[in-house]
Every structure is written in structure tokens, then in C-alpha cells.
PDB file of N, CA and C in Angstrom:
ATOM      1  N   MET A   1      44.308 -22.963  10.694  1.00  0.00           N
ATOM      2  CA  MET A   1      43.033 -23.421  10.049  1.00  0.00           C
ATOM      3  C   MET A   1      42.704 -22.192   9.377  1.00  0.00           C
ATOM      4  N   GLU A   2      42.208 -21.857   8.293  1.00  0.00           N
ATOM      5  CA  GLU A   2      42.369 -20.491   7.465  1.00  0.00           C
ATOM      6  C   GLU A   2      40.130 -20.113   7.581  1.00  0.00           C
ATOM      7  N   GLN A   3      40.599 -19.110   7.640  1.00  0.00           N
ATOM      8  CA  GLN A   3      39.464 -17.420   7.937  1.00  0.00           C
ATOM      9  C   GLN A   3      38.917 -17.461   6.889  1.00  0.00           C
ATOM     10  N   LYS A   4      38.380 -17.356   6.191  1.00  0.00           N
ATOM     11  CA  LYS A   4      37.757 -16.768   4.569  1.00  0.00           C
ATOM     12  C   LYS A   4      36.534 -15.835   4.758  1.00  0.00           C
ATOM     13  N   ILE A   5      37.687 -14.516   4.253  1.00  0.00           N
ATOM     14  CA  ILE A   5      36.760 -13.402   5.125  1.00  0.00           C
ATOM     15  C   ILE A   5      35.919 -12.470   3.531  1.00  0.00           C
ATOM     16  N   ASN A   6      35.261 -11.829   3.241  1.00  0.00           N
ATOM     17  CA  ASN A   6      34.627 -12.057   2.515  1.00  0.00           C
ATOM     18  C   ASN A   6      35.285 -10.442   1.769  1.00  0.00           C
ATOM     19  N   PRO A   7      35.715 -10.233   0.250  1.00  0.00           N
ATOM     20  CA  PRO A   7      36.809  -8.586   0.090  1.00  0.00           C
ATOM     21  C   PRO A   7      35.595  -7.527   0.405  1.00  0.00           C
ATOM     22  N   LEU A   8      34.642  -7.570   0.217  1.00  0.00           N
ATOM     23  CA  LEU A   8      34.367  -6.781   0.018  1.00  0.00           C
ATOM     24  C   LEU A   8      33.991  -5.312   1.316  1.00  0.00           C
ATOM     25  N   SER A   9      33.983  -6.613   2.384  1.00  0.00           N
ATOM     26  CA  SER A   9      33.859  -6.063   3.544  1.00  0.00           C
ATOM     27  C   SER A   9      35.523  -5.069   3.770  1.00  0.00           C
ATOM     28  N   PHE A  10      36.324  -5.836   3.064  1.00  0.00           N
ATOM     29  CA  PHE A  10      37.642  -5.434   3.395  1.00  0.00           C
ATOM     30  C   PHE A  10      37.946  -3.375   2.959  1.00  0.00           C
ATOM     31  N   ARG A  11      36.720  -3.361   2.088  1.00  0.00           N
ATOM     32  CA  ARG A  11      36.694  -2.395   0.262  1.00  0.00           C
ATOM     33  C   ARG A  11      35.614  -0.736   1.419  1.00  0.00           C
ATOM     34  N   LEU A  12      34.217  -1.683   2.214  1.00  0.00           N
ATOM     35  CA  LEU A  12      33.835  -1.026   2.274  1.00  0.00           C
ATOM     36  C   LEU A  12      34.524   0.543   2.821  1.00  0.00           C
ATOM     37  N   GLY A  13      33.605   1.013   2.676  1.00  0.00           N
ATOM     38  CA  GLY A  13      34.225   3.204   3.153  1.00  0.00           C
ATOM     39  C   GLY A  13      35.029   3.314   2.619  1.00  0.00           C
ATOM     40  N   THR A  14      35.826   2.471   1.899  1.00  0.00           N
ATOM     41  CA  THR A  14      37.565   3.162   1.839  1.00  0.00           C
ATOM     42  C   THR A  14      37.226   2.856  -0.308  1.00  0.00           C
ATOM     43  N   THR A  15      36.921   2.419  -0.710  1.00  0.00           N
ATOM     44  CA  THR A  15      36.983   1.943  -2.732  1.00  0.00           C
ATOM     45  C   THR A  15      35.096   2.663  -2.528  1.00  0.00           C
ATOM     46  N   GLN A  16      34.763   1.360  -1.899  1.00  0.00           N
ATOM     47  CA  GLN A  16      33.556   1.498  -2.245  1.00  0.00           C
ATOM     48  C   GLN A  16      33.122   1.582  -1.164  1.00  0.00           C
ATOM     49  N   LYS A  17      31.282   1.666  -2.104  1.00  0.00           N
ATOM     50  CA  LYS A  17      30.275   2.706  -0.904  1.00  0.00           C
ATOM     51  C   LYS A  17      28.669   1.747  -0.475  1.00  0.00           C
ATOM     52  N   HIS A  18      28.372   1.132   0.969  1.00  0.00           N
ATOM     53  CA  HIS A  18      28.199   0.615   1.345  1.00  0.00           C
ATOM     54  C   HIS A  18      26.758   0.287   0.517  1.00  0.00           C
ATOM     55  N   HIS A  19      25.545  -1.120   0.464  1.00  0.00           N
ATOM     56  CA  HIS A  19      24.518  -1.507  -0.745  1.00  0.00           C
ATOM     57  C   HIS A  19      23.043  -1.100   0.218  1.00  0.00           C
ATOM     58  N   SER A  20      23.730  -0.416   1.415  1.00  0.00           N
ATOM     59  CA  SER A  20      21.702   0.397   1.805  1.00  0.00           C
ATOM     60  C   SER A  20      22.274   1.621   2.019  1.00  0.00           C
ATOM     61  N   PHE A  21      20.877   2.306   2.061  1.00  0.00           N
ATOM     62  CA  PHE A  21      22.093   3.890   2.234  1.00  0.00           C
ATOM     63  C   PHE A  21      20.372   4.926   3.510  1.00  0.00           C
ATOM     64  N   TRP A  22      20.780   5.339   4.036  1.00  0.00           N
ATOM     65  CA  TRP A  22      19.880   5.827   4.127  1.00  0.00           C
ATOM     66  C   TRP A  22      18.360   6.963   3.681  1.00  0.00           C
ATOM     67  N   PHE A  23      17.984   7.113   4.299  1.00  0.00           N
ATOM     68  CA  PHE A  23      16.625   8.596   2.733  1.00  0.00           C
ATOM     69  C   PHE A  23      16.947   9.569   3.911  1.00  0.00           C
ATOM     70  N   VAL A  24      17.212  10.174   4.746  1.00  0.00           N
ATOM     71  CA  VAL A  24      17.444  11.409   5.768  1.00  0.00           C
ATOM     72  C   VAL A  24      18.903  10.886   6.157  1.00  0.00           C
ATOM     73  N   GLN A  25      19.300  12.381   7.014  1.00  0.00           N
ATOM     74  CA  GLN A  25      20.401  12.115   7.385  1.00  0.00           C
ATOM     75  C   GLN A  25      19.773  11.682   9.206  1.00  0.00           C
ATOM     76  N   PRO A  26      21.543  11.109   9.588  1.00  0.00           N
ATOM     77  CA  PRO A  26      20.935   9.511  10.700  1.00  0.00           C
ATOM     78  C   PRO A  26      20.053  11.394  12.392  1.00  0.00           C
ATOM     79  N   LYS A  27      20.385  12.199  12.410  1.00  0.00           N
ATOM     80  CA  LYS A  27      19.774  13.145  12.868  1.00  0.00           C
ATOM     81  C   LYS A  27      18.820  13.800  12.836  1.00  0.00           C
ATOM     82  N   ASN A  28      18.018  13.178  11.855  1.00  0.00           N
ATOM     83  CA  ASN A  28      16.406  13.533  11.765  1.00  0.00           C
ATOM     84  C   ASN A  28      16.170  12.091  11.429  1.00  0.00           C
ATOM     85  N   TYR A  29      16.447  11.769  11.782  1.00  0.00           N
ATOM     86  CA  TYR A  29      15.536  10.172  11.198  1.00  0.00           C
ATOM     87  C   TYR A  29      14.230   9.990  12.214  1.00  0.00           C
ATOM     88  N   SER A  30      14.881  10.597  12.962  1.00  0.00           N
ATOM     89  CA  SER A  30      13.534  10.170  14.028  1.00  0.00           C
ATOM     90  C   SER A  30      12.086  11.449  13.716  1.00  0.00           C
ATOM     91  N   GLU A  31      12.354  12.810  13.555  1.00  0.00           N
ATOM     92  CA  GLU A  31      11.206  13.680  13.096  1.00  0.00           C
ATOM     93  C   GLU A  31      10.467  12.896  11.619  1.00  0.00           C
ATOM     94  N   GLU A  32      11.271  12.767  11.066  1.00  0.00           N
ATOM     95  CA  GLU A  32      10.959  11.921   9.174  1.00  0.00           C
ATOM     96  C   GLU A  32       9.883  10.986  10.064  1.00  0.00           C
ATOM     97  N   ILE A  33      10.560   9.545  10.541  1.00  0.00           N
ATOM     98  CA  ILE A  33       9.755   8.716  11.255  1.00  0.00           C
ATOM     99  C   ILE A  33       8.095   9.682  11.651  1.00  0.00           C
ATOM    100  N   GLN A  34       8.216  10.327  12.735  1.00  0.00           N
ATOM    101  CA  GLN A  34       6.958  10.872  12.916  1.00  0.00           C
ATOM    102  C   GLN A  34       6.785  10.851  12.063  1.00  0.00           C
ATOM    103  N   LYS A  35       6.680  12.217  10.951  1.00  0.00           N
ATOM    104  CA  LYS A  35       5.914  12.810   9.900  1.00  0.00           C
ATOM    105  C   LYS A  35       5.417  11.544   9.512  1.00  0.00           C
ATOM    106  N   GLU A  36       6.054   9.985   9.461  1.00  0.00           N
ATOM    107  CA  GLU A  36       5.828   9.196   8.282  1.00  0.00           C
ATOM    108  C   GLU A  36       4.442   8.586   8.995  1.00  0.00           C
ATOM    109  N   ILE A  37       4.608   8.798  10.294  1.00  0.00           N
ATOM    110  CA  ILE A  37       3.275   8.009  11.345  1.00  0.00           C
ATOM    111  C   ILE A  37       2.353   8.784  11.726  1.00  0.00           C
ATOM    112  N   ASP A  38       2.073  10.257  10.960  1.00  0.00           N
ATOM    113  CA  ASP A  38       0.654  10.917  10.817  1.00  0.00           C
ATOM    114  C   ASP A  38       0.581  10.677   9.960  1.00  0.00           C
ATOM    115  N   MET A  39       1.247  10.422   9.175  1.00  0.00           N
ATOM    116  CA  MET A  39      -0.122   9.461   7.340  1.00  0.00           C
ATOM    117  C   MET A  39       0.297   8.742   7.107  1.00  0.00           C
ATOM    118  N   ILE A  40      -0.685   8.318   6.678  1.00  0.00           N
ATOM    119  CA  ILE A  40      -1.252   6.939   6.376  1.00  0.00           C
ATOM    120  C   ILE A  40      -1.565   6.739   5.163  1.00  0.00           C
ATOM    121  N   HIS A  41      -1.615   6.140   4.403  1.00  0.00           N
ATOM    122  CA  HIS A  41      -2.082   5.815   2.671  1.00  0.00           C
ATOM    123  C   HIS A  41      -1.896   4.880   2.482  1.00  0.00           C
ATOM    124  N   ILE A  42      -3.205   4.630   2.246  1.00  0.00           N
ATOM    125  CA  ILE A  42      -4.115   3.437   1.423  1.00  0.00           C
ATOM    126  C   ILE A  42      -4.481   3.986  -0.079  1.00  0.00           C
ATOM    127  N   ILE A  43      -4.105   2.302  -0.694  1.00  0.00           N
ATOM    128  CA  ILE A  43      -4.635   2.152  -2.002  1.00  0.00           C
ATOM    129  C   ILE A  43      -5.212   1.280  -2.224  1.00  0.00           C
ATOM    130  N   ILE A  44      -5.730   1.386  -3.497  1.00  0.00           N
ATOM    131  CA  ILE A  44      -7.290   0.582  -3.634  1.00  0.00           C
ATOM    132  C   ILE A  44      -6.937   0.362  -5.113  1.00  0.00           C
ATOM    133  N   HIS A  45      -7.017  -0.786  -5.472  1.00  0.00           N
ATOM    134  CA  HIS A  45      -6.994  -1.985  -6.884  1.00  0.00           C
ATOM    135  C   HIS A  45      -8.134  -2.008  -7.386  1.00  0.00           C
ATOM    136  N   ILE A  46      -8.004  -1.380  -8.684  1.00  0.00           N
ATOM    137  CA  ILE A  46      -9.344  -1.548  -8.579  1.00  0.00           C
ATOM    138  C   ILE A  46      -9.139  -2.051 -10.800  1.00  0.00           C
ATOM    139  N   GLY A  47     -10.098  -3.840 -10.049  1.00  0.00           N
ATOM    140  CA  GLY A  47      -9.484  -4.237 -12.205  1.00  0.00           C
ATOM    141  C   GLY A  47     -10.401  -3.412 -13.151  1.00  0.00           C
ATOM    142  N   PHE A  48     -11.881  -3.521 -12.361  1.00  0.00           N
ATOM    143  CA  PHE A  48     -12.445  -3.224 -13.369  1.00  0.00           C
ATOM    144  C   PHE A  48     -13.039  -2.143 -13.051  1.00  0.00           C
ATOM    145  N   PRO A  49     -13.356  -0.751 -14.066  1.00  0.00           N
ATOM    146  CA  PRO A  49     -14.823   0.414 -14.259  1.00  0.00           C
ATOM    147  C   PRO A  49     -15.913   0.148 -13.072  1.00  0.00           C
ATOM    148  N   ASN A  50     -16.673  -1.286 -13.636  1.00  0.00           N
ATOM    149  CA  ASN A  50     -18.000  -0.767 -12.968  1.00  0.00           C
ATOM    150  C   ASN A  50     -17.326  -1.544 -11.472  1.00  0.00           C
ATOM    151  N   LEU A  51     -16.565  -1.280 -11.114  1.00  0.00           N
ATOM    152  CA  LEU A  51     -16.748  -1.416  -9.604  1.00  0.00           C
ATOM    153  C   LEU A  51     -15.638  -0.627  -9.066  1.00  0.00           C
ATOM    154  N   LEU A  52     -16.216   0.884 -10.011  1.00  0.00           N
ATOM    155  CA  LEU A  52     -15.135   1.887  -8.619  1.00  0.00           C
ATOM    156  C   LEU A  52     -15.738   2.369  -7.303  1.00  0.00           C
ATOM    157  N   PRO A  53     -16.085   2.471  -6.524  1.00  0.00           N
ATOM    158  CA  PRO A  53     -16.228   3.477  -5.591  1.00  0.00           C
ATOM    159  C   PRO A  53     -16.412   4.722  -6.124  1.00  0.00           C
ATOM    160  N   ILE A  54     -17.703   5.407  -5.709  1.00  0.00           N
ATOM    161  CA  ILE A  54     -18.748   6.506  -5.019  1.00  0.00           C
ATOM    162  C   ILE A  54     -18.314   7.618  -4.288  1.00  0.00           C
ATOM    163  N   LYS A  55     -17.525   8.750  -4.958  1.00  0.00           N
ATOM    164  CA  LYS A  55     -17.337   9.415  -3.847  1.00  0.00           C
ATOM    165  C   LYS A  55     -16.901   9.309  -2.144  1.00  0.00           C
ATOM    166  N   GLY A  56     -18.875   9.524  -2.181  1.00  0.00           N
ATOM    167  CA  GLY A  56     -19.424   9.526  -0.959  1.00  0.00           C
ATOM    168  C   GLY A  56     -18.756   7.828  -0.439  1.00  0.00           C
ATOM    169  N   GLU A  57     -18.514   6.638  -0.985  1.00  0.00           N
ATOM    170  CA  GLU A  57     -18.229   5.421  -0.034  1.00  0.00           C
ATOM    171  C   GLU A  57     -16.316   5.742   0.452  1.00  0.00           C
ATOM    172  N   ILE A  58     -15.565   7.092  -0.159  1.00  0.00           N
ATOM    173  CA  ILE A  58     -14.081   7.050   0.021  1.00  0.00           C
ATOM    174  C   ILE A  58     -14.425   7.801   1.267  1.00  0.00           C
ATOM    175  N   LYS A  59     -15.188   8.911   1.351  1.00  0.00           N
ATOM    176  CA  LYS A  59     -15.309   9.717   2.236  1.00  0.00           C
ATOM    177  C   LYS A  59     -16.210   8.703   3.635  1.00  0.00           C
ATOM    178  N   GLU A  60     -17.121   8.164   3.881  1.00  0.00           N
ATOM    179  CA  GLU A  60     -17.263   7.119   4.123  1.00  0.00           C
ATOM    180  C   GLU A  60     -16.286   6.354   4.514  1.00  0.00           C
ATOM    181  N   LEU A  61     -14.716   6.040   4.721  1.00  0.00           N
ATOM    182  CA  LEU A  61     -14.488   4.695   4.970  1.00  0.00           C
ATOM    183  C   LEU A  61     -13.708   5.670   5.529  1.00  0.00           C
ATOM    184  N   ASP A  62     -12.641   7.115   5.291  1.00  0.00           N
ATOM    185  CA  ASP A  62     -12.134   7.891   5.755  1.00  0.00           C
ATOM    186  C   ASP A  62     -12.556   7.537   6.839  1.00  0.00           C
ATOM    187  N   LYS A  63     -13.823   7.753   7.509  1.00  0.00           N
ATOM    188  CA  LYS A  63     -14.606   7.847   8.928  1.00  0.00           C
ATOM    189  C   LYS A  63     -14.229   6.727   9.450  1.00  0.00           C
ATOM    190  N   ASP A  64     -14.268   6.240   8.682  1.00  0.00           N
ATOM    191  CA  ASP A  64     -14.543   4.099   9.745  1.00  0.00           C
ATOM    192  C   ASP A  64     -13.213   5.137  10.315  1.00  0.00           C
ATOM    193  N   LEU A  65     -12.439   4.510   9.313  1.00  0.00           N
ATOM    194  CA  LEU A  65     -10.975   4.791   8.780  1.00  0.00           C
ATOM    195  C   LEU A  65     -10.312   6.017  11.303  1.00  0.00           C
ATOM    196  N   GLN A  66     -11.672   7.062  10.575  1.00  0.00           N
ATOM    197  CA  GLN A  66     -10.556   8.297  11.933  1.00  0.00           C
ATOM    198  C   GLN A  66     -11.559   7.220  13.333  1.00  0.00           C
ATOM    199  N   LYS A  67     -12.831   6.432  12.991  1.00  0.00           N
ATOM    200  CA  LYS A  67     -13.076   5.659  14.253  1.00  0.00           C
ATOM    201  C   LYS A  67     -12.039   4.951  14.803  1.00  0.00           C
ATOM    202  N   GLU A  68     -11.995   3.908  13.885  1.00  0.00           N
ATOM    203  CA  GLU A  68     -11.434   2.533  14.311  1.00  0.00           C
ATOM    204  C   GLU A  68     -10.195   2.825  14.826  1.00  0.00           C
ATOM    205  N   ILE A  69      -9.333   4.318  14.924  1.00  0.00           N
ATOM    206  CA  ILE A  69      -8.382   3.723  14.560  1.00  0.00           C
ATOM    207  C   ILE A  69      -7.968   5.345  16.193  1.00  0.00           C
ATOM    208  N   ASN A  70      -8.752   6.407  16.427  1.00  0.00           N
ATOM    209  CA  ASN A  70      -8.841   6.882  17.848  1.00  0.00           C
ATOM    210  C   ASN A  70      -7.800   7.514  17.678  1.00  0.00           C
ATOM    211  N   TYR A  71      -7.653   8.231  16.531  1.00  0.00           N
ATOM    212  CA  TYR A  71      -6.684   9.192  16.608  1.00  0.00           C
ATOM    213  C   TYR A  71      -6.852  10.272  15.616  1.00  0.00           C
ATOM    214  N   ALA A  72      -6.532  11.804  16.516  1.00  0.00           N
ATOM    215  CA  ALA A  72      -7.329  13.521  16.201  1.00  0.00           C
ATOM    216  C   ALA A  72      -6.457  13.357  15.543  1.00  0.00           C
ATOM    217  N   ASN A  73      -5.111  13.606  15.201  1.00  0.00           N
ATOM    218  CA  ASN A  73      -4.066  13.963  14.228  1.00  0.00           C
ATOM    219  C   ASN A  73      -3.518  13.114  13.250  1.00  0.00           C
ATOM    220  N   GLN A  74      -4.114  11.719  12.290  1.00  0.00           N
ATOM    221  CA  GLN A  74      -3.789  10.979  11.156  1.00  0.00           C
ATOM    222  C   GLN A  74      -4.928  10.834  10.978  1.00  0.00           C
ATOM    223  N   ARG A  75      -3.472  11.608   9.674  1.00  0.00           N
ATOM    224  CA  ARG A  75      -4.229  12.363   7.889  1.00  0.00           C
ATOM    225  C   ARG A  75      -4.110  10.936   7.528  1.00  0.00           C
ATOM    226  N   PHE A  76      -5.021  11.032   6.425  1.00  0.00           N
ATOM    227  CA  PHE A  76      -5.022   9.843   5.576  1.00  0.00           C
ATOM    228  C   PHE A  76      -4.711   9.742   4.037  1.00  0.00           C
ATOM    229  N   ASN A  77      -3.704   8.646   3.296  1.00  0.00           N
ATOM    230  CA  ASN A  77      -4.802  10.016   1.710  1.00  0.00           C
ATOM    231  C   ASN A  77      -5.082   8.508   1.473  1.00  0.00           C
ATOM    232  N   ILE A  78      -5.797   8.417   0.752  1.00  0.00           N
ATOM    233  CA  ILE A  78      -6.999   7.299  -0.100  1.00  0.00           C
ATOM    234  C   ILE A  78      -6.726   7.278  -1.529  1.00  0.00           C
ATOM    235  N   SER A  79      -6.124   6.794  -2.361  1.00  0.00           N
ATOM    236  CA  SER A  79      -5.744   6.726  -3.553  1.00  0.00           C
ATOM    237  C   SER A  79      -6.336   5.523  -4.262  1.00  0.00           C
ATOM    238  N   ILE A  80      -7.258   5.788  -5.013  1.00  0.00           N
ATOM    239  CA  ILE A  80      -8.003   4.120  -6.459  1.00  0.00           C
ATOM    240  C   ILE A  80      -6.179   4.149  -7.673  1.00  0.00           C
ATOM    241  N   GLU A  81      -5.867   3.174  -7.836  1.00  0.00           N
ATOM    242  CA  GLU A  81      -4.715   2.457  -8.485  1.00  0.00           C
ATOM    243  C   GLU A  81      -6.032   1.292 -10.148  1.00  0.00           C
ATOM    244  N   LYS A  82      -5.700   1.759 -11.540  1.00  0.00           N
ATOM    245  CA  LYS A  82      -6.429   0.187 -11.969  1.00  0.00           C
ATOM    246  C   LYS A  82      -5.255  -0.589 -12.458  1.00  0.00           C
ATOM    247  N   VAL A  83      -5.898  -1.367 -11.885  1.00  0.00           N
ATOM    248  CA  VAL A  83      -4.544  -3.124 -12.600  1.00  0.00           C
ATOM    249  C   VAL A  83      -4.612  -3.027 -14.129  1.00  0.00           C
ATOM    250  N   LYS A  84      -3.117  -2.811 -14.676  1.00  0.00           N
ATOM    251  CA  LYS A  84      -3.155  -2.339 -16.080  1.00  0.00           C
ATOM    252  C   LYS A  84      -3.435  -4.160 -16.633  1.00  0.00           C
ATOM    253  N   GLU A  85      -3.079  -5.314 -15.721  1.00  0.00           N
ATOM    254  CA  GLU A  85      -4.390  -6.643 -16.128  1.00  0.00           C
ATOM    255  C   GLU A  85      -5.071  -7.028 -15.412  1.00  0.00           C
ATOM    256  N   PRO A  86      -7.003  -6.849 -15.285  1.00  0.00           N
ATOM    257  CA  PRO A  86      -7.151  -8.385 -14.039  1.00  0.00           C
ATOM    258  C   PRO A  86      -7.493  -8.772 -14.722  1.00  0.00           C
ATOM    259  N   TYR A  87      -7.428  -9.363 -15.387  1.00  0.00           N
ATOM    260  CA  TYR A  87      -6.895 -11.329 -15.623  1.00  0.00           C
ATOM    261  C   TYR A  87      -6.354 -11.631 -15.790  1.00  0.00           C
ATOM    262  N   ARG A  88      -4.993 -10.966 -14.730  1.00  0.00           N
ATOM    263  CA  ARG A  88      -3.828 -11.912 -14.139  1.00  0.00           C
ATOM    264  C   ARG A  88      -4.324 -11.796 -12.804  1.00  0.00           C
ATOM    265  N   GLN A  89      -4.924 -10.749 -12.673  1.00  0.00           N
ATOM    266  CA  GLN A  89      -4.996 -11.431 -11.404  1.00  0.00           C
ATOM    267  C   GLN A  89      -5.645 -11.664 -10.133  1.00  0.00           C
ATOM    268  N   PRO A  90      -5.727 -13.149  -9.789  1.00  0.00           N
ATOM    269  CA  PRO A  90      -6.568 -14.132  -9.307  1.00  0.00           C
ATOM    270  C   PRO A  90      -7.819 -13.220  -8.142  1.00  0.00           C
ATOM    271  N   ASN A  91      -7.030 -13.112  -7.081  1.00  0.00           N
ATOM    272  CA  ASN A  91      -7.830 -11.984  -6.053  1.00  0.00           C
ATOM    273  C   ASN A  91      -9.102 -10.644  -7.036  1.00  0.00           C
ATOM    274  N   ILE A  92      -7.919 -10.672  -7.657  1.00  0.00           N
ATOM    275  CA  ILE A  92      -9.089  -9.624  -7.956  1.00  0.00           C
ATOM    276  C   ILE A  92     -10.469 -10.200  -9.606  1.00  0.00           C
ATOM    277  N   LEU A  93      -9.936 -10.842 -10.519  1.00  0.00           N
ATOM    278  CA  LEU A  93     -10.838 -11.806 -10.988  1.00  0.00           C
ATOM    279  C   LEU A  93     -12.030 -12.298 -10.124  1.00  0.00           C
ATOM    280  N   ALA A  94     -11.025 -13.003  -8.628  1.00  0.00           N
ATOM    281  CA  ALA A  94     -12.495 -14.020  -8.269  1.00  0.00           C
ATOM    282  C   ALA A  94     -13.702 -12.627  -7.529  1.00  0.00           C
ATOM    283  N   GLU A  95     -13.259 -11.716  -7.266  1.00  0.00           N
ATOM    284  CA  GLU A  95     -14.265 -10.420  -6.299  1.00  0.00           C
ATOM    285  C   GLU A  95     -15.430 -10.310  -8.128  1.00  0.00           C
ATOM    286  N   TYR A  96     -13.802 -10.606  -9.236  1.00  0.00           N
ATOM    287  CA  TYR A  96     -15.236  -9.451 -10.172  1.00  0.00           C
ATOM    288  C   TYR A  96     -16.429 -10.191 -10.335  1.00  0.00           C
ATOM    289  N   ILE A  97     -15.485 -11.564  -9.988  1.00  0.00           N
ATOM    290  CA  ILE A  97     -17.032 -13.013 -10.461  1.00  0.00           C
ATOM    291  C   ILE A  97     -17.979 -13.177  -9.733  1.00  0.00           C
ATOM    292  N   ALA A  98     -17.304 -12.579  -7.946  1.00  0.00           N
ATOM    293  CA  ALA A  98     -18.612 -12.857  -7.517  1.00  0.00           C
ATOM    294  C   ALA A  98     -19.573 -11.614  -7.527  1.00  0.00           C
ATOM    295  N   PHE A  99     -19.247 -10.561  -7.767  1.00  0.00           N
ATOM    296  CA  PHE A  99     -20.235  -8.782  -8.140  1.00  0.00           C
ATOM    297  C   PHE A  99     -21.197  -9.476  -9.247  1.00  0.00           C
ATOM    298  N   GLN A 100     -20.617 -10.254 -10.449  1.00  0.00           N
ATOM    299  CA  GLN A 100     -20.681 -11.005 -11.392  1.00  0.00           C
ATOM    300  C   GLN A 100     -21.976 -11.213 -11.220  1.00  0.00           C
ATOM    301  N   LEU A 101     -22.308 -12.418 -10.045  1.00  0.00           N
ATOM    302  CA  LEU A 101     -23.566 -13.598  -9.082  1.00  0.00           C
ATOM    303  C   LEU A 101     -24.583 -13.007  -9.138  1.00  0.00           C
ATOM    304  N   LYS A 102     -23.739 -11.485  -7.900  1.00  0.00           N
ATOM    305  CA  LYS A 102     -24.405 -11.176  -6.834  1.00  0.00           C
ATOM    306  C   LYS A 102     -25.545 -10.365  -7.361  1.00  0.00           C
ATOM    307  N   ILE A 103     -25.538  -9.651  -9.450  1.00  0.00           N
ATOM    308  CA  ILE A 103     -26.057  -8.957 -10.140  1.00  0.00           C
ATOM    309  C   ILE A 103     -26.801 -10.191 -10.370  1.00  0.00           C
ATOM    310  N   GLU A 104     -25.874 -10.448 -10.881  1.00  0.00           N
ATOM    311  CA  GLU A 104     -27.636 -11.997 -11.712  1.00  0.00           C
ATOM    312  C   GLU A 104     -28.358 -12.150 -10.700  1.00  0.00           C
ATOM    313  N   PHE A 105     -28.202 -12.219  -9.666  1.00  0.00           N
ATOM    314  CA  PHE A 105     -28.613 -12.830  -8.236  1.00  0.00           C
ATOM    315  C   PHE A 105     -30.003 -12.396  -7.916  1.00  0.00           C
ATOM    316  N   HIS A 106     -29.973 -10.614  -8.163  1.00  0.00           N
ATOM    317  CA  HIS A 106     -30.318  -9.802  -7.817  1.00  0.00           C
ATOM    318  C   HIS A 106     -31.858  -9.800  -8.330  1.00  0.00           C
ATOM    319  N   SER A 107     -31.031 -10.047  -9.785  1.00  0.00           N
ATOM    320  CA  SER A 107     -32.138  -9.625 -10.641  1.00  0.00           C
ATOM    321  C   SER A 107     -33.109 -10.695 -11.406  1.00  0.00           C
ATOM    322  N   GLU A 108     -32.958 -11.638 -10.851  1.00  0.00           N
ATOM    323  CA  GLU A 108     -33.168 -13.002 -10.756  1.00  0.00           C
ATOM    324  C   GLU A 108     -34.414 -13.314  -9.847  1.00  0.00           C
ATOM    325  N   ARG A 109     -34.372 -12.516  -8.299  1.00  0.00           N
ATOM    326  CA  ARG A 109     -34.934 -12.823  -7.707  1.00  0.00           C
ATOM    327  C   ARG A 109     -36.275 -11.361  -7.615  1.00  0.00           C
ATOM    328  N   GLN A 110     -36.466 -10.283  -8.502  1.00  0.00           N
ATOM    329  CA  GLN A 110     -36.804  -9.421  -9.361  1.00  0.00           C
ATOM    330  C   GLN A 110     -37.709  -9.937  -9.796  1.00  0.00           C
TER     331      GLN A 110
END
């Protein structure tokens, strides 16, 4: 009975390179993981400009995260990105409609 072997496996390391690669040298990998653990990246996607959070709200979010995680050396990188086509994102569109209804509901009550 024949055993079929992927021909790429014979060429790896001699004539071709592996498809995967390391971002750092293997001896420094644990140090890089520790650096990434110390930094948390938070990206807030905004579809419409009138839903932009105020800088005070972002600072408040940062403080709340510090309390929740309870880690003194933790650093947060909070950034805001605008979505190019918000009408094609159903979750952003649903939040925008809810925001508009909330504004309309509050204006009718007053």
C-alpha cells in the first residue's frame, strides 16, 4: 500500500521557507510576551461623529478598567477609529437608531 506524502514537506528548510514565521527570535520570545501582557490595546469603533465619546468619558473608562483588572502596572492604549461605511455595519447602525430613538423619546417627554 502506498503512502502519499506532501511534497512540500521534503523541500522545507532546503529549497523553500516555512509558511509561518516568528516575530522575534526564539530566545527573546518570553520577554516580548511579557511586554505585550503589560500593554492592553483598546480600539473603539465609531460609526457616526455625534456618538463620539468625550475625553472625560475615556479617562473614566480608563479608571474603571484599572479598578476591574486590579493590576497596578497595567497600561492601556485607548484609541478611537471611525468606521468608513457605518451603514453597512448592522451593529453600529442598530446602536445609532437606538441613540436617535432615545433622543426623540427624551425630547417628547419634556
